[in-house]
């Protein structure tokens, strides 16, 4: 099993445990149910489990594809950043420049361009 799928299963399992304890808390309280709720809550509250959840969430973010773009006032893409598999690809698509409007995108890059990343939707 690849690492990413294992991380996804970890998150799904922890979510299922949380749903289970939430459901059990709605049932009539009997000693056995109360003890099971206590055990599940203690497991979910364990710092090692919390660390495993954070690592799994970070692994999923690394493999998710995200994109950010910057547009000109007329809607042309000036910059595009795609993050996939832990790598960033920066694209500066060609644009038609008017004679009296020089292309200053490279100057903007030296100052730094911030792009908000959102999940990639095809």
C-alpha atoms as a PDB file:
ATOM      1  CA  UNK A   1       0.000   0.000   0.000  1.00  0.00           C
ATOM      2  CA  UNK A   2       1.444   3.375  -0.916  1.00  0.00           C
ATOM      3  CA  UNK A   3       2.134   5.931   1.798  1.00  0.00           C
ATOM      4  CA  UNK A   4      -0.542   8.367   0.674  1.00  0.00           C
ATOM      5  CA  UNK A   5      -3.296   5.748   0.777  1.00  0.00           C
ATOM      6  CA  UNK A   6      -2.106   4.668   4.228  1.00  0.00           C
ATOM      7  CA  UNK A   7      -2.339   8.271   5.427  1.00  0.00           C
ATOM      8  CA  UNK A   8      -5.850   8.570   3.972  1.00  0.00           C
ATOM      9  CA  UNK A   9      -6.876   5.392   5.781  1.00  0.00           C
ATOM     10  CA  UNK A  10      -5.491   6.775   9.028  1.00  0.00           C
ATOM     11  CA  UNK A  11      -7.640   9.890   8.669  1.00  0.00           C
ATOM     12  CA  UNK A  12     -10.732   7.882   7.702  1.00  0.00           C
ATOM     13  CA  UNK A  13     -10.242   5.555  10.691  1.00  0.00           C
ATOM     14  CA  UNK A  14      -9.823   8.422  13.153  1.00  0.00           C
ATOM     15  CA  UNK A  15     -12.920  10.128  11.750  1.00  0.00           C
ATOM     16  CA  UNK A  16     -14.880   6.902  12.054  1.00  0.00           C
ATOM     17  CA  UNK A  17     -13.800   6.542  15.689  1.00  0.00           C
ATOM     18  CA  UNK A  18     -14.973  10.093  16.374  1.00  0.00           C
ATOM     19  CA  UNK A  19     -18.328   9.371  14.726  1.00  0.00           C
ATOM     20  CA  UNK A  20     -18.623   6.196  16.798  1.00  0.00           C
ATOM     21  CA  UNK A  21     -18.050   7.946  20.097  1.00  0.00           C
ATOM     22  CA  UNK A  22     -20.436  10.752  19.083  1.00  0.00           C
ATOM     23  CA  UNK A  23     -23.106   8.128  18.370  1.00  0.00           C
ATOM     24  CA  UNK A  24     -22.463   6.219  21.584  1.00  0.00           C
ATOM     25  CA  UNK A  25     -22.864   9.423  23.596  1.00  0.00           C
ATOM     26  CA  UNK A  26     -26.434   9.712  22.308  1.00  0.00           C
ATOM     27  CA  UNK A  27     -27.373   6.231  23.537  1.00  0.00           C
ATOM     28  CA  UNK A  28     -28.771   5.522  26.993  1.00  0.00           C
ATOM     29  CA  UNK A  29     -25.897   5.474  29.453  1.00  0.00           C
ATOM     30  CA  UNK A  30     -24.938   2.029  30.695  1.00  0.00           C
ATOM     31  CA  UNK A  31     -21.599   1.116  32.288  1.00  0.00           C
ATOM     32  CA  UNK A  32     -20.293  -0.773  29.230  1.00  0.00           C
ATOM     33  CA  UNK A  33     -21.121   2.072  26.824  1.00  0.00           C
ATOM     34  CA  UNK A  34     -19.651   4.657  29.184  1.00  0.00           C
ATOM     35  CA  UNK A  35     -16.401   2.643  29.422  1.00  0.00           C
ATOM     36  CA  UNK A  36     -16.165   2.266  25.642  1.00  0.00           C
ATOM     37  CA  UNK A  37     -16.718   6.017  25.179  1.00  0.00           C
ATOM     38  CA  UNK A  38     -13.992   6.716  27.729  1.00  0.00           C
ATOM     39  CA  UNK A  39     -11.531   4.400  25.938  1.00  0.00           C
ATOM     40  CA  UNK A  40     -12.227   5.879  22.491  1.00  0.00           C
ATOM     41  CA  UNK A  41     -12.020   9.461  23.772  1.00  0.00           C
ATOM     42  CA  UNK A  42      -8.741   8.682  25.564  1.00  0.00           C
ATOM     43  CA  UNK A  43      -7.348   7.135  22.384  1.00  0.00           C
ATOM     44  CA  UNK A  44      -8.367  10.126  20.247  1.00  0.00           C
ATOM     45  CA  UNK A  45      -6.915  12.534  22.843  1.00  0.00           C
ATOM     46  CA  UNK A  46      -3.561  10.712  22.958  1.00  0.00           C
ATOM     47  CA  UNK A  47      -0.758  13.067  21.778  1.00  0.00           C
ATOM     48  CA  UNK A  48       0.688  10.317  19.559  1.00  0.00           C
ATOM     49  CA  UNK A  49      -2.664   9.898  17.809  1.00  0.00           C
ATOM     50  CA  UNK A  50      -2.949  13.673  17.374  1.00  0.00           C
ATOM     51  CA  UNK A  51       0.563  13.696  15.868  1.00  0.00           C
ATOM     52  CA  UNK A  52      -0.383  10.859  13.510  1.00  0.00           C
ATOM     53  CA  UNK A  53      -3.446  12.831  12.410  1.00  0.00           C
ATOM     54  CA  UNK A  54      -1.348  15.944  11.715  1.00  0.00           C
ATOM     55  CA  UNK A  55       1.201  13.901   9.742  1.00  0.00           C
ATOM     56  CA  UNK A  56      -1.556  12.252   7.706  1.00  0.00           C
ATOM     57  CA  UNK A  57      -3.197  15.614   6.972  1.00  0.00           C
ATOM     58  CA  UNK A  58       0.171  17.073   5.924  1.00  0.00           C
ATOM     59  CA  UNK A  59       0.816  14.105   3.615  1.00  0.00           C
ATOM     60  CA  UNK A  60      -2.556  14.577   1.934  1.00  0.00           C
ATOM     61  CA  UNK A  61      -1.865  18.277   1.403  1.00  0.00           C
ATOM     62  CA  UNK A  62       1.500  17.470  -0.190  1.00  0.00           C
ATOM     63  CA  UNK A  63      -0.084  15.265  -2.840  1.00  0.00           C
ATOM     64  CA  UNK A  64      -3.130  17.413  -3.507  1.00  0.00           C
ATOM     65  CA  UNK A  65      -2.885  19.605  -6.573  1.00  0.00           C
ATOM     66  CA  UNK A  66      -3.397  23.321  -5.936  1.00  0.00           C
ATOM     67  CA  UNK A  67      -3.317  26.297  -8.244  1.00  0.00           C
ATOM     68  CA  UNK A  68      -3.041  30.062  -7.830  1.00  0.00           C
ATOM     69  CA  UNK A  69      -3.275  32.766 -10.473  1.00  0.00           C
ATOM     70  CA  UNK A  70      -2.790  36.496 -10.799  1.00  0.00           C
ATOM     71  CA  UNK A  71      -4.778  38.381 -13.423  1.00  0.00           C
ATOM     72  CA  UNK A  72      -4.399  41.680 -15.256  1.00  0.00           C
ATOM     73  CA  UNK A  73      -7.243  44.231 -15.031  1.00  0.00           C
ATOM     74  CA  UNK A  74      -8.586  42.837 -18.327  1.00  0.00           C
ATOM     75  CA  UNK A  75      -8.483  39.212 -17.155  1.00  0.00           C
ATOM     76  CA  UNK A  76      -5.289  37.920 -18.725  1.00  0.00           C
ATOM     77  CA  UNK A  77      -3.338  35.429 -16.605  1.00  0.00           C
ATOM     78  CA  UNK A  78      -0.118  37.162 -15.527  1.00  0.00           C
ATOM     79  CA  UNK A  79       1.241  34.444 -13.248  1.00  0.00           C
ATOM     80  CA  UNK A  80       0.149  30.910 -12.497  1.00  0.00           C
ATOM     81  CA  UNK A  81       1.514  28.643  -9.773  1.00  0.00           C
ATOM     82  CA  UNK A  82       0.680  24.957  -9.595  1.00  0.00           C
ATOM     83  CA  UNK A  83       1.648  22.890  -6.556  1.00  0.00           C
ATOM     84  CA  UNK A  84       1.635  19.143  -7.104  1.00  0.00           C
ATOM     85  CA  UNK A  85       3.532  16.303  -5.427  1.00  0.00           C
ATOM     86  CA  UNK A  86       5.379  18.778  -3.207  1.00  0.00           C
ATOM     87  CA  UNK A  87       6.700  20.741  -6.204  1.00  0.00           C
ATOM     88  CA  UNK A  88       5.816  24.254  -7.367  1.00  0.00           C
ATOM     89  CA  UNK A  89       5.619  25.164 -11.051  1.00  0.00           C
ATOM     90  CA  UNK A  90       5.517  28.885 -11.830  1.00  0.00           C
ATOM     91  CA  UNK A  91       4.190  29.844 -15.238  1.00  0.00           C
ATOM     92  CA  UNK A  92       4.356  33.250 -16.882  1.00  0.00           C
ATOM     93  CA  UNK A  93       2.128  32.834 -19.946  1.00  0.00           C
ATOM     94  CA  UNK A  94       2.821  34.980 -22.992  1.00  0.00           C
ATOM     95  CA  UNK A  95       0.559  38.008 -23.236  1.00  0.00           C
ATOM     96  CA  UNK A  96       0.034  40.612 -25.896  1.00  0.00           C
ATOM     97  CA  UNK A  97       1.719  43.795 -24.770  1.00  0.00           C
ATOM     98  CA  UNK A  98       0.660  47.147 -26.116  1.00  0.00           C
ATOM     99  CA  UNK A  99       3.509  49.391 -27.280  1.00  0.00           C
ATOM    100  CA  UNK A 100       2.816  51.953 -24.576  1.00  0.00           C
ATOM    101  CA  UNK A 101       2.332  49.312 -21.825  1.00  0.00           C
ATOM    102  CA  UNK A 102       5.605  47.460 -21.152  1.00  0.00           C
ATOM    103  CA  UNK A 103       5.588  43.971 -19.642  1.00  0.00           C
ATOM    104  CA  UNK A 104       6.654  44.508 -16.025  1.00  0.00           C
ATOM    105  CA  UNK A 105       5.963  40.995 -14.785  1.00  0.00           C
ATOM    106  CA  UNK A 106       9.623  40.151 -14.235  1.00  0.00           C
ATOM    107  CA  UNK A 107      10.008  43.282 -12.111  1.00  0.00           C
ATOM    108  CA  UNK A 108       7.008  42.155 -10.062  1.00  0.00           C
ATOM    109  CA  UNK A 109       8.634  38.748  -9.569  1.00  0.00           C
ATOM    110  CA  UNK A 110      11.738  40.304  -8.013  1.00  0.00           C
ATOM    111  CA  UNK A 111       9.475  42.075  -5.503  1.00  0.00           C
ATOM    112  CA  UNK A 112       7.559  38.835  -4.886  1.00  0.00           C
ATOM    113  CA  UNK A 113       4.107  37.871  -6.075  1.00  0.00           C
ATOM    114  CA  UNK A 114       1.685  36.252  -3.640  1.00  0.00           C
ATOM    115  CA  UNK A 115      -0.904  33.877  -5.051  1.00  0.00           C
ATOM    116  CA  UNK A 116      -3.674  32.290  -3.002  1.00  0.00           C
ATOM    117  CA  UNK A 117      -3.704  28.542  -3.614  1.00  0.00           C
ATOM    118  CA  UNK A 118      -6.990  26.714  -4.029  1.00  0.00           C
ATOM    119  CA  UNK A 119      -7.739  23.066  -4.794  1.00  0.00           C
ATOM    120  CA  UNK A 120      -7.285  22.305  -8.480  1.00  0.00           C
ATOM    121  CA  UNK A 121     -10.512  21.511 -10.282  1.00  0.00           C
ATOM    122  CA  UNK A 122     -10.333  20.135 -13.799  1.00  0.00           C
END
